[in-house]
C-alpha atoms as a PDB file:
ATOM      1  CA  MET A   1      76.972  95.358 103.575  1.00  0.00           C
ATOM      2  CA  PRO A   2      78.151  92.686 106.115  1.00  0.00           C
ATOM      3  CA  ALA A   3      81.896  92.606 106.769  1.00  0.00           C
ATOM      4  CA  GLU A   4      82.248  89.163 105.215  1.00  0.00           C
ATOM      5  CA  ASP A   5      80.699  90.385 101.988  1.00  0.00           C
ATOM      6  CA  LYS A   6      83.032  93.389 101.925  1.00  0.00           C
ATOM      7  CA  ILE A   7      86.033  91.056 102.418  1.00  0.00           C
ATOM      8  CA  LYS A   8      84.883  88.933  99.485  1.00  0.00           C
ATOM      9  CA  GLN A   9      84.337  92.029  97.360  1.00  0.00           C
ATOM     10  CA  PHE A  10      87.897  93.139  98.139  1.00  0.00           C
ATOM     11  CA  HIS A  11      89.353  89.818  97.037  1.00  0.00           C
ATOM     12  CA  ASP A  12      87.148  89.824  93.914  1.00  0.00           C
ATOM     13  CA  ASN A  13      88.277  93.348  92.947  1.00  0.00           C
ATOM     14  CA  HIS A  14      92.010  92.855  93.862  1.00  0.00           C
ATOM     15  CA  PRO A  15      92.935  89.175  93.223  1.00  0.00           C
ATOM     16  CA  GLY A  16      96.532  88.007  93.285  1.00  0.00           C
ATOM     17  CA  PRO A  17      98.233  86.382  90.306  1.00  0.00           C
ATOM     18  CA  ASP A  18      97.097  82.848  91.260  1.00  0.00           C
ATOM     19  CA  ALA A  19      93.428  83.797  91.568  1.00  0.00           C
ATOM     20  CA  SER A  20      93.765  85.666  88.224  1.00  0.00           C
ATOM     21  CA  GLY A  21      95.255  82.610  86.411  1.00  0.00           C
ATOM     22  CA  ILE A  22      98.542  84.473  85.874  1.00  0.00           C
ATOM     23  CA  ASN A  23     101.938  82.714  86.000  1.00  0.00           C
ATOM     24  CA  SER A  24     104.033  85.641  84.952  1.00  0.00           C
ATOM     25  CA  LEU A  25     104.160  89.392  85.671  1.00  0.00           C
ATOM     26  CA  TYR A  26     106.324  91.902  83.860  1.00  0.00           C
ATOM     27  CA  ARG A  27     108.271  95.045  84.804  1.00  0.00           C
ATOM     28  CA  PHE A  28     109.949  97.594  82.542  1.00  0.00           C
ATOM     29  CA  HIS A  29     113.270  99.336  83.100  1.00  0.00           C
ATOM     30  CA  LYS A  30     115.420 101.919  81.439  1.00  0.00           C
ATOM     31  CA  VAL A  31     119.257 101.871  81.208  1.00  0.00           C
ATOM     32  CA  ASP A  32     121.283 104.973  81.835  1.00  0.00           C
ATOM     33  CA  ASN A  33     124.165 106.030  84.039  1.00  0.00           C
ATOM     34  CA  LYS A  34     121.832 107.199  86.787  1.00  0.00           C
ATOM     35  CA  ASN A  35     120.247 103.817  87.412  1.00  0.00           C
ATOM     36  CA  ILE A  36     123.137 101.459  86.934  1.00  0.00           C
ATOM     37  CA  GLN A  37     123.572 101.127  90.689  1.00  0.00           C
ATOM     38  CA  PHE A  38     119.823 100.432  90.935  1.00  0.00           C
ATOM     39  CA  LEU A  39     120.207  97.641  88.335  1.00  0.00           C
ATOM     40  CA  LYS A  40     123.200  96.242  90.228  1.00  0.00           C
ATOM     41  CA  GLU A  41     121.110  95.986  93.385  1.00  0.00           C
ATOM     42  CA  LEU A  42     118.504  94.124  91.397  1.00  0.00           C
ATOM     43  CA  PHE A  43     120.637  91.711  89.389  1.00  0.00           C
ATOM     44  CA  VAL A  44     123.582  91.131  91.749  1.00  0.00           C
ATOM     45  CA  ASN A  45     122.197  91.706  95.211  1.00  0.00           C
ATOM     46  CA  LYS A  46     118.681  90.379  94.412  1.00  0.00           C
ATOM     47  CA  LYS A  47     116.907  93.473  95.790  1.00  0.00           C
ATOM     48  CA  LEU A  48     113.512  94.301  94.367  1.00  0.00           C
ATOM     49  CA  TYR A  49     113.068  97.988  95.235  1.00  0.00           C
ATOM     50  CA  HIS A  50     109.694  99.360  96.318  1.00  0.00           C
ATOM     51  CA  ALA A  51     109.092 103.092  95.901  1.00  0.00           C
ATOM     52  CA  LEU A  52     107.300 105.512  98.143  1.00  0.00           C
ATOM     53  CA  PRO A  53     103.998 106.849  96.790  1.00  0.00           C
ATOM     54  CA  SER A  54     105.567 110.295  96.438  1.00  0.00           C
ATOM     55  CA  LYS A  55     108.100 108.936  93.994  1.00  0.00           C
ATOM     56  CA  LEU A  56     105.455 107.507  91.606  1.00  0.00           C
ATOM     57  CA  ASN A  57     104.150 109.383  88.557  1.00  0.00           C
ATOM     58  CA  ASP A  58     100.575 109.778  89.665  1.00  0.00           C
ATOM     59  CA  PRO A  59     100.029 112.723  92.039  1.00  0.00           C
ATOM     60  CA  PHE A  60      96.839 111.099  93.375  1.00  0.00           C
ATOM     61  CA  GLU A  61      98.678 108.043  94.774  1.00  0.00           C
ATOM     62  CA  CYS A  62      97.504 106.993  98.206  1.00  0.00           C
ATOM     63  CA  LYS A  63      95.610 110.204  98.929  1.00  0.00           C
ATOM     64  CA  PRO A  64      92.046 109.027  99.630  1.00  0.00           C
ATOM     65  CA  ASP A  65      89.091 111.085 100.728  1.00  0.00           C
ATOM     66  CA  PHE A  66      87.970 110.314 104.289  1.00  0.00           C
ATOM     67  CA  ASN A  67      84.590 109.125 105.394  1.00  0.00           C
ATOM     68  CA  TRP A  68      83.723 109.651 109.048  1.00  0.00           C
ATOM     69  CA  PRO A  69      81.049 107.684 110.903  1.00  0.00           C
ATOM     70  CA  SER A  70      77.642 109.267 110.404  1.00  0.00           C
ATOM     71  CA  SER A  71      75.844 107.397 113.190  1.00  0.00           C
ATOM     72  CA  PRO A  72      74.848 108.952 116.515  1.00  0.00           C
ATOM     73  CA  ASN A  73      77.631 106.767 117.978  1.00  0.00           C
ATOM     74  CA  LYS A  74      80.275 108.570 116.042  1.00  0.00           C
ATOM     75  CA  VAL A  75      82.610 109.202 119.012  1.00  0.00           C
ATOM     76  CA  ARG A  76      82.235 105.582 120.139  1.00  0.00           C
ATOM     77  CA  ASP A  77      83.091 104.295 116.641  1.00  0.00           C
ATOM     78  CA  ILE A  78      86.144 106.547 116.365  1.00  0.00           C
ATOM     79  CA  ARG A  79      87.286 105.370 119.797  1.00  0.00           C
ATOM     80  CA  LYS A  80      86.775 101.743 118.774  1.00  0.00           C
ATOM     81  CA  GLY A  81      88.813 102.207 115.634  1.00  0.00           C
ATOM     82  CA  LEU A  82      91.695 103.824 117.480  1.00  0.00           C
ATOM     83  CA  ILE A  83      91.746 101.037 120.112  1.00  0.00           C
ATOM     84  CA  GLN A  84      91.922  98.466 117.314  1.00  0.00           C
ATOM     85  CA  ALA A  85      94.840 100.288 115.713  1.00  0.00           C
ATOM     86  CA  ALA A  86      96.628 100.534 119.037  1.00  0.00           C
ATOM     87  CA  ARG A  87      96.189  96.799 119.692  1.00  0.00           C
ATOM     88  CA  LYS A  88      97.583  95.961 116.238  1.00  0.00           C
ATOM     89  CA  ASN A  89     100.671  97.934 117.301  1.00  0.00           C
ATOM     90  CA  GLY A  90     101.167  95.708 120.349  1.00  0.00           C
ATOM     91  CA  CYS A  91      99.163  97.313 123.100  1.00  0.00           C
ATOM     92  CA  SER A  92      97.069  95.124 125.387  1.00  0.00           C
ATOM     93  CA  LYS A  93      93.343  95.848 125.550  1.00  0.00           C
ATOM     94  CA  LYS A  94      93.746  97.664 128.827  1.00  0.00           C
ATOM     95  CA  GLU A  95      96.738  99.702 127.645  1.00  0.00           C
ATOM     96  CA  ALA A  96      94.956 100.531 124.397  1.00  0.00           C
ATOM     97  CA  GLU A  97      91.801 101.726 126.152  1.00  0.00           C
ATOM     98  CA  ALA A  98      93.794 103.938 128.546  1.00  0.00           C
ATOM     99  CA  LEU A  99      95.978 105.394 125.767  1.00  0.00           C
ATOM    100  CA  ILE A 100      93.042 106.222 123.470  1.00  0.00           C
ATOM    101  CA  SER A 101      90.989 107.734 126.360  1.00  0.00           C
ATOM    102  CA  LYS A 102      93.859 110.030 127.102  1.00  0.00           C
ATOM    103  CA  VAL A 103      94.335 110.952 123.386  1.00  0.00           C
ATOM    104  CA  MET A 104      90.711 111.705 122.855  1.00  0.00           C
ATOM    105  CA  LYS A 105      90.602 114.058 125.859  1.00  0.00           C
ATOM    106  CA  ASN A 106      93.374 116.148 124.355  1.00  0.00           C
ATOM    107  CA  PRO A 107      91.866 119.416 123.001  1.00  0.00           C
ATOM    108  CA  LYS A 108      94.145 119.106 119.955  1.00  0.00           C
ATOM    109  CA  PHE A 109      92.504 115.778 119.050  1.00  0.00           C
ATOM    110  CA  THR A 110      90.260 116.410 116.018  1.00  0.00           C
ATOM    111  CA  GLU A 111      89.133 114.601 112.879  1.00  0.00           C
ATOM    112  CA  ASP A 112      91.941 116.459 111.080  1.00  0.00           C
ATOM    113  CA  THR A 113      94.565 114.850 113.303  1.00  0.00           C
ATOM    114  CA  ILE A 114      93.313 111.379 112.517  1.00  0.00           C
ATOM    115  CA  TYR A 115      93.111 112.229 108.834  1.00  0.00           C
ATOM    116  CA  ALA A 116      96.718 113.481 108.934  1.00  0.00           C
ATOM    117  CA  ALA A 117      97.931 110.380 110.738  1.00  0.00           C
ATOM    118  CA  THR A 118      96.198 108.144 108.165  1.00  0.00           C
ATOM    119  CA  GLN A 119      97.740 110.117 105.281  1.00  0.00           C
ATOM    120  CA  ASN A 120     101.114 109.817 106.921  1.00  0.00           C
ATOM    121  CA  THR A 121     100.777 106.050 107.265  1.00  0.00           C
ATOM    122  CA  LEU A 122      99.807 105.722 103.576  1.00  0.00           C
ATOM    123  CA  SER A 123     102.706 107.933 102.536  1.00  0.00           C
ATOM    124  CA  GLU A 124     105.171 105.528 104.229  1.00  0.00           C
ATOM    125  CA  ILE A 125     104.149 102.356 102.473  1.00  0.00           C
ATOM    126  CA  ARG A 126     106.197 101.071  99.584  1.00  0.00           C
ATOM    127  CA  ILE A 127     104.975  99.879  96.183  1.00  0.00           C
ATOM    128  CA  CYS A 128     106.431  97.805  93.372  1.00  0.00           C
ATOM    129  CA  SER A 129     104.408  97.666  90.140  1.00  0.00           C
ATOM    130  CA  PHE A 130     104.037  95.034  87.467  1.00  0.00           C
ATOM    131  CA  THR A 131     101.860  94.419  84.411  1.00  0.00           C
ATOM    132  CA  LYS A 132     100.266  91.462  82.707  1.00  0.00           C
ATOM    133  CA  ALA A 133     101.818  91.723  79.292  1.00  0.00           C
ATOM    134  CA  LYS A 134     105.209  92.452  77.737  1.00  0.00           C
ATOM    135  CA  GLU A 135     103.723  93.497  74.437  1.00  0.00           C
ATOM    136  CA  ASN A 136     102.213  96.750  75.655  1.00  0.00           C
ATOM    137  CA  LEU A 137     103.707  99.478  73.359  1.00  0.00           C
ATOM    138  CA  LEU A 138     102.824 102.343  75.721  1.00  0.00           C
ATOM    139  CA  LEU A 139     104.581 100.726  78.619  1.00  0.00           C
ATOM    140  CA  TRP A 140     107.681 100.202  76.511  1.00  0.00           C
ATOM    141  CA  ALA A 141     107.520 103.916  75.595  1.00  0.00           C
ATOM    142  CA  HIS A 142     106.811 105.257  79.092  1.00  0.00           C
ATOM    143  CA  TYR A 143     108.871 102.935  81.316  1.00  0.00           C
ATOM    144  CA  ALA A 144     111.565 101.496  79.084  1.00  0.00           C
ATOM    145  CA  ASP A 145     112.841 104.747  77.656  1.00  0.00           C
ATOM    146  CA  SER A 146     111.029 104.527  74.308  1.00  0.00           C
ATOM    147  CA  HIS A 147     112.093 100.931  73.702  1.00  0.00           C
ATOM    148  CA  ARG A 148     115.680 101.688  74.605  1.00  0.00           C
ATOM    149  CA  GLY A 149     115.411  99.697  77.885  1.00  0.00           C
ATOM    150  CA  PHE A 150     114.223  96.189  78.701  1.00  0.00           C
ATOM    151  CA  CYS A 151     111.399  94.204  80.249  1.00  0.00           C
ATOM    152  CA  LEU A 152     111.765  91.487  82.923  1.00  0.00           C
ATOM    153  CA  GLU A 153     109.444  88.538  83.244  1.00  0.00           C
ATOM    154  CA  TYR A 154     108.942  87.324  86.813  1.00  0.00           C
ATOM    155  CA  ASP A 155     107.544  84.057  88.007  1.00  0.00           C
ATOM    156  CA  ALA A 156     104.290  85.098  89.637  1.00  0.00           C
ATOM    157  CA  THR A 157     103.997  81.817  91.557  1.00  0.00           C
ATOM    158  CA  LEU A 158     107.097  82.558  93.655  1.00  0.00           C
ATOM    159  CA  PHE A 159     107.931  84.968  96.563  1.00  0.00           C
ATOM    160  CA  PRO A 160     107.601  87.899  96.502  1.00  0.00           C
ATOM    161  CA  ILE A 161     105.806  88.323  93.154  1.00  0.00           C
ATOM    162  CA  HIS A 162     102.902  86.089  94.296  1.00  0.00           C
ATOM    163  CA  LEU A 163     102.073  88.820  96.831  1.00  0.00           C
ATOM    164  CA  ALA A 164     101.033  91.248  94.070  1.00  0.00           C
ATOM    165  CA  LEU A 165      97.426  92.370  93.947  1.00  0.00           C
ATOM    166  CA  LYS A 166      95.411  93.681  91.024  1.00  0.00           C
ATOM    167  CA  VAL A 167      94.765  97.387  90.654  1.00  0.00           C
ATOM    168  CA  THR A 168      91.225  98.518  89.810  1.00  0.00           C
ATOM    169  CA  TYR A 169      90.435 101.598  87.744  1.00  0.00           C
ATOM    170  CA  ASN A 170      87.504 103.779  88.635  1.00  0.00           C
ATOM    171  CA  ASP A 171      85.968 107.159  87.922  1.00  0.00           C
ATOM    172  CA  GLU A 172      84.999 107.379  91.579  1.00  0.00           C
ATOM    173  CA  TYR A 173      87.647 108.792  93.876  1.00  0.00           C
ATOM    174  CA  PRO A 174      88.752 106.358  96.589  1.00  0.00           C
ATOM    175  CA  ARG A 175      87.526 106.920 100.102  1.00  0.00           C
ATOM    176  CA  GLU A 176      88.894 105.612 103.350  1.00  0.00           C
ATOM    177  CA  GLU A 177      86.214 104.515 105.794  1.00  0.00           C
ATOM    178  CA  TYR A 178      86.750 104.982 109.515  1.00  0.00           C
ATOM    179  CA  PRO A 179      86.838 102.719 111.383  1.00  0.00           C
ATOM    180  CA  LEU A 180      88.033 100.235 108.723  1.00  0.00           C
ATOM    181  CA  PRO A 181      85.172  97.807 108.013  1.00  0.00           C
ATOM    182  CA  HIS A 182      87.572  94.901 107.318  1.00  0.00           C
ATOM    183  CA  PRO A 183      91.413  94.346 107.293  1.00  0.00           C
ATOM    184  CA  GLY A 184      91.745  94.851 103.538  1.00  0.00           C
ATOM    185  CA  ALA A 185      89.879  98.110 103.437  1.00  0.00           C
ATOM    186  CA  GLY A 186      92.993 100.105 104.234  1.00  0.00           C
ATOM    187  CA  LEU A 187      94.576  98.897 100.979  1.00  0.00           C
ATOM    188  CA  VAL A 188      91.770  99.924  98.729  1.00  0.00           C
ATOM    189  CA  PRO A 189      93.073 103.481  98.144  1.00  0.00           C
ATOM    190  CA  VAL A 190      96.490 102.015  97.353  1.00  0.00           C
ATOM    191  CA  LEU A 191      94.921  99.667  94.732  1.00  0.00           C
ATOM    192  CA  THR A 192      92.528 102.107  93.070  1.00  0.00           C
ATOM    193  CA  LYS A 193      93.533 104.470  90.277  1.00  0.00           C
ATOM    194  CA  SER A 194      91.806 106.601  87.675  1.00  0.00           C
ATOM    195  CA  LYS A 195      90.553 104.944  84.536  1.00  0.00           C
ATOM    196  CA  ASP A 196      93.153 106.989  82.687  1.00  0.00           C
ATOM    197  CA  TRP A 197      95.678 104.379  83.838  1.00  0.00           C
ATOM    198  CA  GLN A 198      93.826 101.233  82.977  1.00  0.00           C
ATOM    199  CA  TYR A 199      95.967 100.526  79.923  1.00  0.00           C
ATOM    200  CA  GLU A 200      98.739  99.559  82.385  1.00  0.00           C
ATOM    201  CA  GLU A 201      96.822  96.463  83.703  1.00  0.00           C
ATOM    202  CA  GLU A 202      98.815  96.873  86.916  1.00  0.00           C
ATOM    203  CA  TYR A 203      99.495  94.517  89.768  1.00  0.00           C
ATOM    204  CA  ARG A 204     101.191  95.836  92.909  1.00  0.00           C
ATOM    205  CA  ILE A 205     103.202  94.443  95.768  1.00  0.00           C
ATOM    206  CA  ILE A 206     102.440  96.541  98.822  1.00  0.00           C
ATOM    207  CA  TYR A 207     105.255  96.477 101.298  1.00  0.00           C
ATOM    208  CA  PHE A 208     104.899  97.894 104.790  1.00  0.00           C
ATOM    209  CA  PRO A 209     108.451  98.632 106.089  1.00  0.00           C
ATOM    210  CA  GLU A 210     107.591  97.351 109.554  1.00  0.00           C
ATOM    211  CA  ALA A 211     107.037  93.991 107.915  1.00  0.00           C
ATOM    212  CA  LYS A 212     110.740  93.541 107.178  1.00  0.00           C
ATOM    213  CA  LEU A 213     111.159  91.279 110.160  1.00  0.00           C
ATOM    214  CA  ARG A 214     108.377  89.030 108.850  1.00  0.00           C
ATOM    215  CA  LEU A 215     109.255  89.211 105.199  1.00  0.00           C
ATOM    216  CA  SER A 216     112.617  88.852 103.498  1.00  0.00           C
ATOM    217  CA  GLY A 217     113.435  92.519 103.092  1.00  0.00           C
ATOM    218  CA  ASP A 218     115.271  95.535 104.390  1.00  0.00           C
ATOM    219  CA  GLY A 219     112.469  98.120 104.615  1.00  0.00           C
ATOM    220  CA  GLU A 220     112.933  99.361 101.051  1.00  0.00           C
ATOM    221  CA  SER A 221     113.417  96.180  99.060  1.00  0.00           C
ATOM    222  CA  LEU A 222     112.285  92.565  99.171  1.00  0.00           C
ATOM    223  CA  PHE A 223     114.937  89.942  98.407  1.00  0.00           C
ATOM    224  CA  LEU A 224     114.374  87.757  95.364  1.00  0.00           C
ATOM    225  CA  SER A 225     114.895  84.038  95.083  1.00  0.00           C
ATOM    226  CA  ASP A 226     117.460  82.916  92.422  1.00  0.00           C
ATOM    227  CA  ASN A 227     114.848  81.511  89.976  1.00  0.00           C
ATOM    228  CA  VAL A 228     112.192  84.241  90.085  1.00  0.00           C
ATOM    229  CA  ILE A 229     113.384  86.087  86.953  1.00  0.00           C
ATOM    230  CA  LYS A 230     112.311  83.929  84.025  1.00  0.00           C
ATOM    231  CA  ASN A 231     113.203  86.017  80.963  1.00  0.00           C
ATOM    232  CA  ILE A 232     114.676  89.385  79.946  1.00  0.00           C
ATOM    233  CA  TYR A 233     113.414  91.149  76.812  1.00  0.00           C
ATOM    234  CA  PHE A 234     115.645  93.893  75.354  1.00  0.00           C
ATOM    235  CA  GLY A 235     113.854  96.774  73.636  1.00  0.00           C
ATOM    236  CA  SER A 236     113.979  97.209  69.874  1.00  0.00           C
ATOM    237  CA  ASN A 237     115.910 100.509  70.192  1.00  0.00           C
ATOM    238  CA  ILE A 238     118.393  99.460  72.906  1.00  0.00           C
ATOM    239  CA  GLU A 239     121.980 100.545  72.297  1.00  0.00           C
ATOM    240  CA  ASP A 240     124.550  97.649  72.127  1.00  0.00           C
ATOM    241  CA  SER A 241     126.601  99.242  74.913  1.00  0.00           C
ATOM    242  CA  ASN A 242     123.620  99.343  77.241  1.00  0.00           C
ATOM    243  CA  LYS A 243     122.649  95.812  76.446  1.00  0.00           C
ATOM    244  CA  GLU A 244     126.233  94.712  77.245  1.00  0.00           C
ATOM    245  CA  LYS A 245     126.033  96.537  80.627  1.00  0.00           C
ATOM    246  CA  VAL A 246     122.901  94.697  81.567  1.00  0.00           C
ATOM    247  CA  LEU A 247     124.264  91.320  80.467  1.00  0.00           C
ATOM    248  CA  ALA A 248     127.433  91.941  82.502  1.00  0.00           C
ATOM    249  CA  LEU A 249     125.404  92.661  85.613  1.00  0.00           C
ATOM    250  CA  LEU A 250     123.362  89.482  85.054  1.00  0.00           C
ATOM    251  CA  ALA A 251     126.634  87.504  84.736  1.00  0.00           C
ATOM    252  CA  ASP A 252     127.744  88.808  88.150  1.00  0.00           C
ATOM    253  CA  GLY A 253     124.483  87.713  89.825  1.00  0.00           C
ATOM    254  CA  PRO A 254     122.582  84.483  90.470  1.00  0.00           C
ATOM    255  CA  PHE A 255     119.859  84.885  87.800  1.00  0.00           C
ATOM    256  CA  THR A 256     119.930  82.893  84.553  1.00  0.00           C
ATOM    257  CA  PRO A 257     116.944  84.178  82.572  1.00  0.00           C
ATOM    258  CA  GLY A 258     116.208  83.471  78.916  1.00  0.00           C
ATOM    259  CA  ILE A 259     117.472  86.360  76.787  1.00  0.00           C
ATOM    260  CA  TRP A 260     115.249  87.852  74.038  1.00  0.00           C
ATOM    261  CA  GLN A 261     115.371  90.705  71.626  1.00  0.00           C
ATOM    262  CA  ALA A 262     112.302  92.694  70.647  1.00  0.00           C
ATOM    263  CA  ARG A 263     111.786  93.641  66.949  1.00  0.00           C
ATOM    264  CA  PRO A 264     108.957  95.664  65.398  1.00  0.00           C
ATOM    265  CA  SER A 265     106.754  93.539  63.220  1.00  0.00           C
ATOM    266  CA  LYS A 266     106.974  94.334  59.511  1.00  0.00           C
ATOM    267  CA  SER A 267     103.233  93.893  58.985  1.00  0.00           C
ATOM    268  CA  SER A 268     101.457  95.122  62.114  1.00  0.00           C
ATOM    269  CA  PHE A 269     101.786  97.408  65.153  1.00  0.00           C
ATOM    270  CA  LYS A 270     103.172  94.636  67.265  1.00  0.00           C
ATOM    271  CA  LEU A 271     106.498  93.495  68.756  1.00  0.00           C
ATOM    272  CA  GLU A 272     108.070  90.199  67.953  1.00  0.00           C
ATOM    273  CA  PHE A 273     110.550  88.579  70.317  1.00  0.00           C
ATOM    274  CA  GLU A 274     113.578  86.593  69.128  1.00  0.00           C
ATOM    275  CA  PRO A 275     116.013  84.516  71.152  1.00  0.00           C
ATOM    276  CA  SER A 276     119.221  86.479  71.722  1.00  0.00           C
ATOM    277  CA  ALA A 277     122.690  85.218  72.476  1.00  0.00           C
END
């Protein structure tokens, strides 16, 4: 498939909120003594934390299989890919060619070393996850402490939420091609999960720590604008004391979201949301 077709396929498979026709994305939280500081960083200091893959709850995160070139020009293709990577890291063409020639002559240079380097790169990216809907009962159970936490609604048209990309769910295990056939190809393993997770309808912001100079961030978190949090929805089982803690943190920060309380419907397996003082 030509590179331009692969790029189009990537954007078709992993659209952002705007291309998906989505104005809001949601994120669930629990409330306990362990994460009060985390919530303070979010509500008071406007820091949207991005976790390392190793801290997520799927052991297959960012661990793709690896496809090596199968052509007779395998060594040439590997060399080309390494030179491209070196140039992206600031080397001139001449410097990159000299560096990679030296690396490839090293007897310790093997396919395994490149594979290990790729895995190391993927292990250092940071991820922040969102979903399309606040009504998902399983997400309330899994990520909001069995409805004892809350859900935040973010404006998906604003920075940094507009950077989120849709996750695809597949029975086929993700594979990293080498060299990368197009710039987005390196993100495919980060945006591909087993079909077992498809109920989450996930969108992800992928944050490379080295981008902190280009983006508004500190290497772990991206900084939010004052109007990006639109609403907060408290779970149907939240304790009054925990609700008060969250409201106190909100009062100390710049955000002024609408405040809602979730209630179980009396006639169906659905949540209803009521305005809350």
